[in-house]
Amino acid sequence: MKLISEYANFEFLIGDASFKVNQLSLEHNGQQAKLTVKVAELLILFLVSADHVVDFETAISRVWLDNEDVGKKGVTNSIWMLRKQFKDIGVSDDIFESIPKVGYRLTLPVQSTQTAKNFSPKKRIAIFTAILLLALASLYLLFHKPEALFVDGVDAVKVTNYEGVEEHVAISDDGQYMAFTWIRDKEHSQIYIKNLNDDNAPLNLLSGNGGREVSPTWGPGNNAIAYANIKDNGSCRLHIKDLLLNNDRIIGSDCYYIPYRRIVTWPKEQKNTLIYAKQLKDRVALFSIDFNQSSETQLTFPDPGEVDYAPRYVNNQLYFIRETQKASNVELNRLNANGEATRLIHDVLGIVDFDIDGDSHTIYVNYVDDSLHRLQAMDFDGNVLTEFSVGKLMSSISYSKALQSVFTAEHISLEYISHLEFETGKTLQKISSGSRDLYGEYVPALDGIAFLSNRDKSWGVWLKTPQKSVNLTANLGEASVPRVHQPSGQIATRIRTPNGQNFIYILNDGEPRQLDLGELEPNGYSWSDSGDLLYFTAASNDAFGLYEYHLDSSKITQLSQSDEAYMVELDGNTLIVSRRNQNGLWRFNKLSGTFTLLTTSLSKSDFGAFFYQHGAIYFLKRTKENDQIIKLAAEQEDVMLNLPPNSVRKFFGIAKASDNSFIATMKLANEAEIYQYISK
């Protein structure tokens, strides 16, 4: 009864029905139903889980206390009972959506309040201070749970509900049409147009040129759409589709793309000009392209390693996101009259996407704050005007002035960690919770797994062993991916301290050790086999490159300046490296400083998804049909295991484990829908 006691003073509004936890009762329009303890606990688990999704394993663990034989049948029976009892009190909607091979999603909107006991007037006065303290405590608990928080005064309407991922939302100026990308099972993303005024109107496919179609943007007059097309080899080209003449033409190439970032905009004041993110050698800059004159002009001038993307052109001014050399800083910028980038809303760093209403000087921004995604309206000084959503995993957004609404793509935001056999795909161990558990690394000495999680309010490095589960970075700051030196069990991670600085820490049985890297801001990092070196990447002297840190002497040696992203030691003189904005893996000789291309099959968005084990390199390769674990040895690539497409988390999706096995970060479900938020 742990869940019931934890939420005993809560009352939930589920659609139009209410659920009083302390009474185990459902009520709707004067009708009431009593729940059994197990059924009530399962309902609570749905109510407090992110996106209201519960997988079978979490339900069995939390409600049936890991009794798998009883729990499997208990989940099915409890779902049936909940459906029946909601119908008995007059709720006709099916309250659950089945997610095949995963679990269920509660589909009704949820709000929660914490109730107090019915004290007499004198007692209310006497314990007023205590009630205030309890209220503060409850707020603290709410913000420390990985659940979506609901905002009063805002309506949320689901606009799409298709099978797969709906993304890259773009609303026409008149508010009548929505362009978006749709990724279906074993298919590349394609762009569709939906009539927002007619729910019965069929979707219109924009083109279907092959490859991935991404980042649509409406042209002046809503008669054309520009977008990017990504081929299987990673090449990116800009297209314009004329909706009246029904023709499609290529107008540019070498665009930059990482899922699910916006990369192109069509200024309403300049009907023959697009602005897009262009991949340069060691950075990504914004360019304007005059597609009538076939000429380009560079607009932004980022430093090495920096990425400018998500352009918006409003009232003859260019706004964009800049990912800085400090990997945790993703900033909103505006180009001033001198062509210089000036930063807006200084207190907001982890920006995912934004849009601007030029008439009201309002910024609609989706950003990450202490591991929570927030969708807000702000003025240009960063003052919050409206909060639309908290705690949901949102990506692209589009503001419609005609509809006075913000549209956003919302993903199912739960991941879990699996220890898998190469040959059979059998799960040897699984780590999952109601939180996001990512990027596990095996710790042989403890038969445990170190991983990144937001089980507490901030991202932390956790260690799960057969005996315990503990946060290793509590009170240090915001943690990043753990990297384990398997022979010793030492763990390296990057910590963002409260004052905004990034440091690498070494975690072991004693006090955490902070490494002195001087002016360098560390990014990707990994151990040498001996454990006396730590490799990392950073930007210095107008170049992004690879460094090694000598743990005994604190000496730092620069090894390269070729835009490296991540590295794994092959032997004392050789590394396997990936690059920040290129597909592939390279062998790097530390003595000669030379690089040899090994494969182009590793995507740049999976730059950390490879490792070296028993004389072979293992990496993640993605196709339309599968996520594949590839073994690369003697210049031969062999498929070791096929997983469902887009089931492995990007960036650091796989890692080395014990013999004949590996660790994978898996997505609970590959789904996203588009929502419309309207401020009342």
Foldseek 3Di string as FASTA:
>chain_A
DVLLVVQQQKWKCFAQWIARSVQCWIAHPHDIDHDDPLLSSLCSLLQFFAQSWDWQQQSCCPRVVVPVVVSVVVLVVSLVVVQVRCVVNPDPDNQWDADPPTGIHGDTDMAMDGHDDDDDPVVCVVCVVVVVVVVVVVVQVSLFGLYWHADPQKDKDFDDDDAFAWAQWEADQLRQKIWIWGFHFLDAIFIWIDGPVDPPDDIHTLAPPDAHWAQWEAAAPSQKIKTWGAHLLGWIWIKIAGNVVRDIDTQGTQFFDDPPFHFKYYDNVQRQKIWGWHDDQFEIFIWIARSVVSDIDTQADAFGNKYWGQWDADPNKIKTWICHLQNQFIFIWIQDPVSYTDTWLVVFGAWQHWDADNVVQKIFTWGADLNKTWTFIAHRNNHTDGTFIINFAWHYWYAHPNVQWIKIKTWRQEWKKFWAFLAPRDTPDIGGHSWHWDAWDAAVVQRWIWTWISSTSAIFIWIDGPVDIDTQCPPAAHWDHWEALRVVRKIWIWHQGPVGAIWIWIDDPDDIHTQCPDPWNWAAWYAANVRQKIKTWTDDPRFIAIWIAGNVPRDIDTQDGRQWHYWEDPHPQWIWTDHQRAAFIWIAGSVVRDIDTLDRQHHNQQRQAWYDDDQWIWGWGAHSAFTFIWTAHPSDTDTRDTHGGPQFDTHHAWADYDPSIIMGIGDSGRYMTMMMMHRD
